[in-house]
Protein backbone atom coordinates (compact mmCIF):
# COMPACT_ATOMS: atom_id res chain seq x y z
CA MET A 1 -6.63 14.49 9.99
CA THR A 2 -9.05 17.43 9.76
CA ASP A 3 -11.32 17.54 6.72
CA LYS A 4 -10.84 20.60 4.52
CA ILE A 5 -13.80 22.45 3.00
CA LEU A 6 -13.68 25.17 0.35
CA ILE A 7 -16.62 27.63 0.32
CA VAL A 8 -17.15 29.56 -2.90
CA ASP A 9 -19.64 32.46 -2.78
CA ASP A 10 -19.57 36.07 -3.97
CA GLU A 11 -21.53 37.24 -0.90
CA ALA A 12 -19.38 37.91 2.16
CA PHE A 13 -22.34 37.36 4.52
CA ASN A 14 -22.80 33.79 3.27
CA LEU A 15 -19.06 33.10 3.51
CA ASP A 16 -18.96 34.35 7.11
CA LEU A 17 -22.03 32.37 8.09
CA LEU A 18 -20.86 29.08 6.60
CA GLU A 19 -17.28 29.48 7.79
CA GLN A 20 -18.43 30.03 11.37
CA GLU A 21 -20.86 27.10 11.27
CA LEU A 22 -18.39 24.62 9.79
CA THR A 23 -15.41 25.77 11.85
CA ASP A 24 -17.46 25.25 15.00
CA ARG A 25 -18.02 21.66 13.86
CA GLY A 26 -14.28 21.02 13.63
CA TYR A 27 -13.68 21.46 9.90
CA MET A 28 -10.83 23.43 8.31
CA VAL A 29 -12.42 26.08 6.07
CA GLU A 30 -11.01 28.10 3.17
CA ARG A 31 -12.91 30.79 1.23
CA ALA A 32 -13.06 31.92 -2.39
CA HIS A 33 -15.08 34.88 -3.73
CA ASP A 34 -15.48 33.78 -7.36
CA GLY A 35 -14.97 30.84 -9.71
CA ALA A 36 -11.46 31.75 -10.86
CA GLU A 37 -10.24 32.12 -7.29
CA ALA A 38 -11.92 28.82 -6.42
CA LEU A 39 -10.00 26.94 -9.12
CA ARG A 40 -6.70 28.44 -7.99
CA THR A 41 -7.43 27.63 -4.35
CA MET A 42 -8.40 24.05 -5.16
CA GLU A 43 -5.00 23.38 -6.72
CA ALA A 44 -3.19 24.61 -3.61
CA LEU A 45 -5.60 23.46 -0.86
CA ARG A 46 -6.80 20.12 -2.22
CA PRO A 47 -10.10 20.32 -0.29
CA ASP A 48 -12.12 17.27 0.65
CA ILE A 49 -15.39 18.90 -0.53
CA VAL A 50 -16.48 22.21 -2.09
CA LEU A 51 -19.59 24.27 -1.31
CA LEU A 52 -20.15 26.12 -4.57
CA ASP A 53 -22.55 28.99 -5.21
CA TYR A 54 -24.49 28.80 -8.48
CA MET A 55 -24.98 32.51 -9.25
CA MET A 56 -21.64 34.38 -9.31
CA PRO A 57 -20.24 37.12 -11.54
CA GLY A 58 -17.81 35.97 -14.21
CA MET A 59 -17.66 32.19 -13.90
CA SER A 60 -20.92 30.70 -12.65
CA GLY A 61 -21.03 27.62 -10.47
CA LEU A 62 -21.86 25.53 -13.55
CA ASP A 63 -18.82 26.97 -15.35
CA VAL A 64 -16.63 25.88 -12.42
CA LEU A 65 -18.19 22.41 -12.55
CA ARG A 66 -17.43 22.13 -16.27
CA GLU A 67 -13.80 23.10 -15.67
CA LEU A 68 -13.46 20.58 -12.86
CA GLN A 69 -14.97 17.90 -15.08
CA SER A 70 -12.34 18.64 -17.75
CA ARG A 71 -9.66 18.26 -15.08
CA GLU A 72 -11.10 14.90 -13.99
CA SER A 73 -11.50 16.16 -10.44
CA ASP A 74 -13.16 13.71 -8.04
CA VAL A 75 -13.81 16.21 -5.22
CA PRO A 76 -17.50 16.10 -4.14
CA ILE A 77 -19.29 19.37 -4.97
CA ILE A 78 -22.37 20.70 -3.16
CA MET A 79 -24.11 23.36 -5.28
CA MET A 80 -25.77 26.26 -3.42
CA THR A 81 -28.27 28.73 -4.88
CA ALA A 82 -31.18 30.96 -4.02
CA HIS A 83 -32.56 30.33 -7.49
CA GLY A 84 -33.44 26.68 -7.16
CA SER A 85 -35.15 24.87 -9.97
CA ILE A 86 -35.39 21.31 -11.22
CA GLU A 87 -33.62 22.28 -14.45
CA VAL A 88 -30.62 23.79 -12.66
CA ALA A 89 -30.39 20.83 -10.28
CA VAL A 90 -30.44 18.32 -13.14
CA GLN A 91 -27.82 20.29 -15.05
CA ALA A 92 -25.56 20.49 -11.99
CA MET A 93 -25.89 16.76 -11.31
CA LYS A 94 -25.03 15.96 -14.94
CA LEU A 95 -21.86 18.03 -14.55
CA GLY A 96 -20.83 16.01 -11.53
CA ALA A 97 -22.31 17.81 -8.51
CA TYR A 98 -22.92 15.50 -5.55
CA ASP A 99 -25.75 17.47 -3.93
CA PHE A 100 -27.87 20.58 -4.42
CA VAL A 101 -29.12 22.83 -1.60
CA VAL A 102 -31.35 25.89 -1.83
CA LYS A 103 -30.73 29.09 0.15
CA PRO A 104 -31.63 29.93 2.85
CA PHE A 105 -30.76 26.64 4.50
CA GLU A 106 -30.72 25.43 8.07
CA PRO A 107 -27.26 24.87 9.67
CA ASP A 108 -28.12 21.24 10.46
CA HIS A 109 -29.16 20.71 6.83
CA ILE A 110 -25.89 21.96 5.40
CA ALA A 111 -23.91 20.04 8.06
CA LEU A 112 -25.67 16.80 7.09
CA ALA A 113 -25.00 17.44 3.39
CA VAL A 114 -21.31 18.04 4.18
CA GLN A 115 -21.10 14.85 6.25
CA LYS A 116 -22.61 12.77 3.44
CA ALA A 117 -20.32 14.33 0.84
CA LEU A 118 -17.25 13.60 2.96
CA GLY A 119 -18.40 9.99 3.22
CA LEU A 120 -18.64 9.82 -0.56
CA GLY A 121 -15.12 11.21 -0.92
CA ARG A 122 -13.70 8.55 1.39
CA LEU A 123 -15.60 5.87 -0.50
CA LYS A 124 -14.13 7.05 -3.81
CA ARG A 125 -10.61 7.11 -2.42
CA GLY A 126 -11.13 3.63 -1.00
CA ALA A 127 -12.34 2.37 -4.38
CA ALA A 128 -9.27 3.86 -6.04
CA ALA A 129 -7.05 2.12 -3.53
CA VAL A 130 -8.78 -1.22 -4.22
CA ALA A 131 -8.21 -0.72 -7.95
CA GLU A 132 -4.51 -0.05 -7.33
CA ASP A 133 -4.32 -3.17 -5.18
CA ALA A 134 -6.10 -5.42 -7.69
CA ASP A 135 -2.83 -6.99 -8.86
CA GLU A 136 -1.59 -7.80 -5.38
CA ARG A 137 -0.85 -11.50 -5.18
CA TYR A 138 -0.17 -12.08 -1.55
CA ARG A 139 -1.27 -10.67 1.76
CA LEU A 140 1.19 -10.22 4.60
CA VAL A 141 2.19 -13.36 6.47
CA ILE A 142 4.25 -12.48 9.52
CA GLY A 143 6.75 -15.14 10.46
CA ARG A 144 7.90 -16.15 13.93
CA SER A 145 11.64 -16.01 13.32
CA VAL A 146 13.68 -13.50 15.33
CA PRO A 147 14.90 -11.49 12.28
CA MET A 148 11.36 -11.12 10.96
CA GLN A 149 9.91 -10.17 14.33
CA HIS A 150 12.60 -7.50 14.68
CA ALA A 151 11.63 -6.06 11.29
CA VAL A 152 7.92 -6.16 12.21
CA ASP A 153 8.54 -4.35 15.50
CA LEU A 154 10.43 -1.58 13.68
CA ALA A 155 7.69 -1.29 11.07
CA LYS A 156 4.92 -0.96 13.67
CA LYS A 157 6.81 1.82 15.42
CA ALA A 158 7.46 3.57 12.11
CA ALA A 159 3.79 3.31 11.14
CA THR A 160 2.78 5.62 14.01
CA SER A 161 4.90 8.45 12.57
CA ARG A 162 4.94 10.30 9.26
CA SER A 163 8.64 9.62 8.69
CA THR A 164 9.92 8.19 5.43
CA VAL A 165 10.71 4.47 5.58
CA LEU A 166 13.38 2.74 3.48
CA LEU A 167 12.84 -1.00 3.01
CA LEU A 168 15.98 -2.93 2.11
CA GLY A 169 16.23 -6.56 1.11
CA GLU A 170 16.75 -9.04 -1.67
CA SER A 171 14.33 -9.37 -4.55
CA GLY A 172 11.31 -11.42 -3.54
CA SER A 173 11.74 -10.86 0.20
CA GLY A 174 8.34 -9.18 0.54
CA LYS A 175 9.13 -5.46 0.52
CA GLU A 176 5.86 -4.41 -1.15
CA ILE A 177 3.80 -6.59 1.18
CA PHE A 178 5.66 -5.03 4.12
CA ALA A 179 4.96 -1.52 2.80
CA ARG A 180 1.24 -2.33 2.62
CA ALA A 181 1.41 -3.53 6.22
CA ILE A 182 3.00 -0.27 7.37
CA HIS A 183 0.19 1.60 5.61
CA SER A 184 -2.47 -0.60 7.23
CA TRP A 185 -0.95 -0.05 10.70
CA SER A 186 -0.95 3.76 10.26
CA ASP A 187 -3.70 6.36 10.67
CA ARG A 188 -3.77 6.56 6.86
CA ARG A 189 -5.17 3.04 6.54
CA ASP A 190 -8.52 4.27 5.10
CA GLU A 191 -6.78 6.35 2.42
CA PRO A 192 -5.09 5.15 -0.80
CA PHE A 193 -1.96 3.02 -0.91
CA ILE A 194 -0.32 3.27 -4.33
CA ALA A 195 2.78 1.37 -5.42
CA ILE A 196 4.96 2.78 -8.18
CA ASN A 197 7.53 0.52 -9.85
CA CYS A 198 10.53 2.67 -10.74
CA VAL A 199 12.05 0.03 -13.06
CA GLY A 200 11.41 -0.43 -16.75
CA LEU A 201 10.12 3.05 -17.60
CA SER A 202 11.99 5.85 -19.34
CA ARG A 203 12.70 8.98 -17.32
CA GLU A 204 9.89 10.86 -19.09
CA LEU A 205 7.30 8.14 -18.56
CA LEU A 206 8.27 7.62 -14.92
CA GLU A 207 8.11 11.35 -14.25
CA SER A 208 4.61 11.47 -15.71
CA GLU A 209 3.65 8.38 -13.70
CA LEU A 210 4.88 10.00 -10.48
CA PHE A 211 3.81 13.61 -10.95
CA GLY A 212 1.28 13.58 -13.81
CA HIS A 213 1.21 15.94 -16.77
CA GLU A 214 -0.78 18.83 -18.16
CA LYS A 215 -2.74 18.60 -21.38
CA GLY A 216 -0.39 19.26 -24.30
CA ALA A 217 2.76 18.84 -22.17
CA PHE A 218 4.22 16.52 -24.82
CA THR A 219 3.19 14.62 -27.93
CA GLY A 220 0.32 12.30 -27.02
CA ALA A 221 -0.69 14.21 -23.88
CA HIS A 222 -4.27 14.75 -25.05
CA ARG A 223 -5.65 15.49 -21.59
CA LEU A 224 -4.57 16.31 -18.07
CA LYS A 225 -3.33 13.31 -16.11
CA LYS A 226 -2.88 13.21 -12.34
CA GLY A 227 0.21 11.38 -11.17
CA LYS A 228 0.26 8.56 -8.64
CA ILE A 229 1.61 10.84 -5.91
CA GLU A 230 -1.31 13.23 -6.40
CA LEU A 231 -3.83 10.37 -6.44
CA ALA A 232 -2.42 9.08 -3.14
CA HIS A 233 -3.17 12.35 -1.31
CA ARG A 234 -3.51 11.69 2.44
CA GLY A 235 -2.40 8.09 1.90
CA SER A 236 0.89 6.29 1.28
CA VAL A 237 3.13 5.88 -1.76
CA LEU A 238 5.60 3.03 -2.27
CA LEU A 239 8.53 3.91 -4.52
CA ASP A 240 9.56 0.38 -5.42
CA GLU A 241 13.14 -0.13 -6.65
CA VAL A 242 13.90 3.53 -5.97
CA GLY A 243 17.61 2.84 -6.54
CA ASP A 244 16.96 2.56 -10.29
CA ILE A 245 15.61 6.05 -10.98
CA SER A 246 17.64 8.40 -13.16
CA GLN A 247 19.81 11.22 -11.84
CA GLU A 248 17.48 13.85 -13.33
CA LEU A 249 14.43 12.38 -11.64
CA GLN A 250 16.34 12.01 -8.37
CA THR A 251 16.60 15.80 -8.29
CA LYS A 252 12.86 16.31 -8.71
CA LEU A 253 12.08 13.62 -6.15
CA LEU A 254 14.45 15.27 -3.66
CA ARG A 255 12.69 18.61 -4.12
CA PHE A 256 9.32 16.96 -3.51
CA LEU A 257 10.55 15.28 -0.30
CA GLN A 258 11.89 18.63 0.93
CA GLU A 259 8.96 20.87 -0.04
CA ARG A 260 6.06 18.36 -0.22
CA ASP A 261 4.82 19.98 -3.42
CA PHE A 262 5.56 19.46 -7.11
CA GLU A 263 4.61 20.59 -10.60
CA ARG A 264 3.06 18.33 -13.19
CA VAL A 265 5.05 17.81 -16.39
CA GLY A 266 4.34 20.92 -18.44
CA GLY A 267 2.81 22.68 -15.43
CA THR A 268 3.79 25.92 -13.73
CA ARG A 269 1.75 25.83 -10.51
CA PRO A 270 2.95 23.96 -7.42
CA ILE A 271 0.61 21.25 -6.15
CA SER A 272 0.78 20.35 -2.46
CA VAL A 273 -0.01 16.82 -1.26
CA ASP A 274 0.05 14.99 2.05
CA VAL A 275 1.53 11.54 1.44
CA ARG A 276 3.62 9.08 3.39
CA ILE A 277 6.62 7.93 1.35
CA ILE A 278 7.89 4.37 1.65
CA ALA A 279 10.87 3.54 -0.56
CA ALA A 280 12.17 0.06 -1.34
CA THR A 281 15.22 -1.30 -3.11
CA ASN A 282 17.37 -4.41 -3.42
CA ARG A 283 20.40 -2.29 -4.34
CA ASP A 284 23.24 -1.11 -2.14
CA LEU A 285 22.35 2.58 -1.98
CA GLU A 286 25.38 3.49 0.14
CA GLY A 287 27.60 1.96 -2.52
CA ALA A 288 25.69 3.78 -5.25
CA VAL A 289 26.22 7.07 -3.38
CA GLN A 290 29.96 6.42 -3.18
CA GLN A 291 30.04 5.65 -6.91
CA GLY A 292 28.18 8.87 -7.72
CA LYS A 293 25.14 7.01 -9.09
CA PHE A 294 22.72 8.09 -6.37
CA ARG A 295 22.41 11.51 -4.76
CA GLU A 296 23.71 11.54 -1.21
CA ASP A 297 21.16 14.16 -0.08
CA LEU A 298 18.29 12.07 -1.52
CA TYR A 299 19.67 8.96 0.20
CA HIS A 300 19.57 10.70 3.57
CA ARG A 301 16.02 11.96 2.90
CA LEU A 302 14.88 8.39 2.20
CA ASN A 303 16.94 6.66 4.88
CA VAL A 304 15.08 8.13 7.88
CA ILE A 305 13.84 4.76 9.18
CA PRO A 306 15.69 1.90 7.41
CA ILE A 307 14.25 -1.61 7.80
CA THR A 308 16.11 -4.60 6.39
CA LEU A 309 13.98 -7.63 5.50
CA PRO A 310 15.84 -10.90 6.01
CA PRO A 311 16.09 -13.36 3.10
CA LEU A 312 14.11 -16.57 3.49
CA ARG A 313 17.25 -18.65 4.06
CA GLU A 314 17.84 -16.66 7.25
CA ARG A 315 14.32 -17.28 8.57
CA ARG A 316 13.94 -21.01 8.07
CA ASP A 317 11.49 -21.29 10.94
CA ASP A 318 9.01 -19.35 8.77
CA ILE A 319 9.27 -21.52 5.65
CA LEU A 320 6.62 -24.09 6.55
CA GLU A 321 4.23 -21.49 7.93
CA LEU A 322 4.49 -19.54 4.68
CA ALA A 323 4.21 -22.72 2.61
CA ARG A 324 0.97 -23.71 4.38
CA PHE A 325 -0.45 -20.25 3.86
CA PHE A 326 0.26 -20.39 0.11
CA LEU A 327 -1.09 -23.95 -0.03
CA GLY A 328 -4.43 -22.80 1.37
CA ARG A 329 -4.55 -19.79 -0.91
CA PHE A 330 -3.82 -21.63 -4.16
CA ALA A 331 -6.01 -24.61 -3.23
CA ARG A 332 -8.96 -22.20 -2.89
CA GLU A 333 -8.12 -20.42 -6.13
CA THR A 334 -7.80 -23.63 -8.15
CA LYS A 335 -10.59 -25.47 -6.27
CA LYS A 336 -8.29 -28.47 -5.77
CA PRO A 337 -8.59 -30.63 -2.62
CA VAL A 338 -4.94 -30.26 -1.59
CA THR A 339 -4.83 -29.90 2.18
CA ALA A 340 -1.36 -30.79 3.47
CA ILE A 341 2.36 -31.11 2.77
CA SER A 342 4.02 -34.44 3.44
CA PRO A 343 6.84 -34.62 6.03
CA GLU A 344 9.35 -35.51 3.28
CA ALA A 345 8.29 -32.54 1.18
CA GLU A 346 8.51 -30.28 4.24
CA LYS A 347 12.10 -31.43 4.82
CA ARG A 348 13.04 -30.44 1.30
CA LEU A 349 11.28 -27.10 1.54
CA ARG A 350 13.19 -26.30 4.74
CA ALA A 351 16.56 -27.43 3.36
CA TYR A 352 16.39 -25.53 0.06
CA ALA A 353 18.32 -22.22 -0.12
CA TRP A 354 15.45 -20.14 -1.71
CA PRO A 355 17.46 -17.65 -3.77
CA GLY A 356 14.16 -16.17 -4.97
CA ASN A 357 12.91 -15.82 -1.37
CA VAL A 358 9.18 -15.68 -0.53
CA ARG A 359 8.21 -15.07 -4.15
CA GLU A 360 9.97 -18.28 -5.23
CA LEU A 361 8.32 -20.25 -2.41
CA ALA A 362 4.90 -19.02 -3.50
CA ASN A 363 5.59 -20.07 -7.09
CA VAL A 364 6.79 -23.53 -5.99
CA ILE A 365 3.66 -24.15 -3.90
CA GLU A 366 1.39 -22.88 -6.66
CA ARG A 367 3.07 -25.26 -9.13
CA ALA A 368 2.69 -28.18 -6.71
CA VAL A 369 -1.01 -27.46 -6.17
CA VAL A 370 -1.74 -27.13 -9.89
CA LEU A 371 0.28 -30.16 -11.07
CA GLY A 372 -0.16 -32.44 -8.05
CA HIS A 373 -2.53 -35.41 -8.06
CA GLY A 374 -3.30 -36.10 -4.42
CA PRO A 375 -4.58 -34.40 -1.30
CA MET A 376 -1.00 -33.95 -0.07
CA ILE A 377 2.04 -32.28 -1.65
CA THR A 378 4.90 -34.78 -1.90
CA PRO A 379 8.52 -34.40 -3.08
CA HIS A 380 7.37 -35.60 -6.53
CA ASP A 381 5.24 -32.44 -6.82
CA LEU A 382 8.20 -30.12 -6.19
CA PRO A 383 10.54 -28.78 -8.89
CA PRO A 384 13.71 -30.88 -9.30
CA ARG A 385 15.92 -28.16 -7.80
CA VAL A 386 13.87 -28.31 -4.57
CA ALA A 387 13.06 -32.04 -4.53
CA ALA A 388 16.77 -32.94 -4.89
CA THR A 389 17.59 -31.07 -1.68
CA GLY A 390 17.87 -33.24 1.42
CA PRO A 391 17.56 -32.34 5.10
CA ASP A 392 21.19 -31.27 5.47
CA LEU A 393 21.94 -30.04 8.97
CA GLU A 394 25.10 -28.35 7.75
CA ARG A 395 22.90 -25.79 6.04
CA GLU A 396 21.72 -24.59 9.42
CA VAL A 397 23.90 -21.77 10.70
CA GLY A 398 24.38 -21.75 14.45
CA SER A 399 25.55 -23.69 17.45
CA TYR A 400 25.38 -27.36 18.37
CA GLN A 401 22.12 -26.64 20.23
CA THR A 402 20.66 -25.09 17.07
CA ALA A 403 21.45 -28.25 15.10
CA VAL A 404 19.91 -30.41 17.82
CA ASN A 405 16.73 -28.31 17.82
CA VAL A 406 16.50 -28.54 14.02
CA TYR A 407 16.70 -32.34 14.21
CA ARG A 408 14.14 -32.47 17.06
CA ARG A 409 11.79 -30.32 15.05
CA GLU A 410 12.05 -32.55 11.99
CA LEU A 411 11.40 -35.69 14.07
CA ILE A 412 8.33 -34.19 15.75
CA ILE A 413 6.90 -32.81 12.51
CA GLY A 414 7.39 -36.18 10.84
CA ALA A 415 5.65 -38.01 13.70
CA LEU A 416 2.75 -35.59 13.70
CA GLY A 417 2.42 -35.98 9.94
CA ARG A 418 2.32 -39.78 10.15
CA THR A 419 -0.30 -39.69 12.92
CA GLY A 420 -2.52 -37.11 11.26
CA GLY A 421 -1.71 -34.49 13.90
CA ASN A 422 -2.64 -36.76 16.84
CA ARG A 423 -0.23 -35.60 19.56
CA ALA A 424 -0.79 -38.56 21.88
CA ALA A 425 -0.04 -41.00 19.06
CA ALA A 426 2.99 -38.97 17.98
CA ALA A 427 4.33 -38.97 21.54
CA ALA A 428 3.93 -42.76 21.72
CA ALA A 429 5.71 -43.21 18.38
CA LEU A 430 8.63 -41.08 19.60
CA GLY A 431 8.78 -42.72 23.02
CA LEU A 432 7.98 -39.44 24.79
CA HIS A 433 5.53 -38.50 27.48
CA ARG A 434 2.66 -36.47 26.01
CA THR A 435 3.31 -33.42 28.24
CA HIS A 436 6.99 -33.46 27.28
CA LEU A 437 6.03 -33.49 23.61
CA LEU A 438 3.66 -30.56 24.14
CA ARG A 439 6.45 -28.56 25.78
CA LEU A 440 8.76 -29.31 22.85
CA ILE A 441 6.07 -28.32 20.33
CA ARG A 442 5.67 -24.95 22.04
CA ALA A 443 9.41 -24.39 22.48
CA LEU A 444 10.20 -25.23 18.84
CA GLY A 445 7.35 -23.15 17.43
CA ILE A 446 5.59 -26.08 15.74
CA GLU A 447 1.98 -25.54 14.63
């Protein structure tokens, strides 16, 4: 994506010179002839940096800086002037200017200043993304099961486009983690990813959270606030539990998806943003459309690339891989020397139905690590609802061959557990040739 630069100068010669120089270097350039025009252009253009002249009629460069400071703008500003002095430079820096250059300047000098300022802008956006991600509990763990691999393949293809993605699946199936993966696989990976939970907020609060509000827009709005969609400019936005938003807000969201601009609460000027929308829900949106609870036109706008995440009970081959990942994570966090899961505990983990999906599995492993007493998780460390579950082959859906493979897998995993992972010893215990055991391990997807 091409970086956008706004040049603000009251002298046409300087505008022409800088526009030519920066355009030749591959930047997208917009011009403004005074401070008031600059502020209007910034709202519409959303530049990556601004080259701002100090001495202008009407609003000076410092006046523009003060206004941007009141708006909490984080766009890097390079101040330009033919009247350079230490006092002016210090004043500009205090008001938030990133750099200060004195006219006349060499083309290479201004190009270097622009390059550094763009780097600062990316760093700020990255820091904002890290702050948004601070509450993330789990990173993506891709399973080997066929349903999960199908979902992953769809997601990777979708990531290369700008199309809206709709993630469907039960609560706890990993929709937010999947959305973050789509963002990381896209060309927006270095820009913000911001998740917005659409549940639990009133319509007014959610609208402000999404689109922001102007100072004085309502009681308590003491200053301008940018919404999450505006903060995610050039990045990705996850609308989590989008099926729960109100009818009134559905209308405003539909307009944004159609026009790619919006107005803050209490605002009158449209603000354009470039964001990738990923929506997620555990609700039946088609049913909600038929019942008149969800706008059909909004549903079709969101349902461009639908991806259904399978529940954990339909991807049993991934359960132990996920469990081991969470074991390592929570053992590091708690500094406890828990390093393995016993074969008996593994059987119970695989047999349990997991109504809470991946989230429930993570909680179960965390509990076992915290409350356990040995280096290995045993059935005694599992909650009663999980520990009481036995290795019941009838739970496995599929053919006779599927049931046979499940039983083979359990036998091999048990033998490997008893021999500390020694494959030769496990083969001897099972009465198998070592090469035959290795072929079975690969075929059954055993780590």
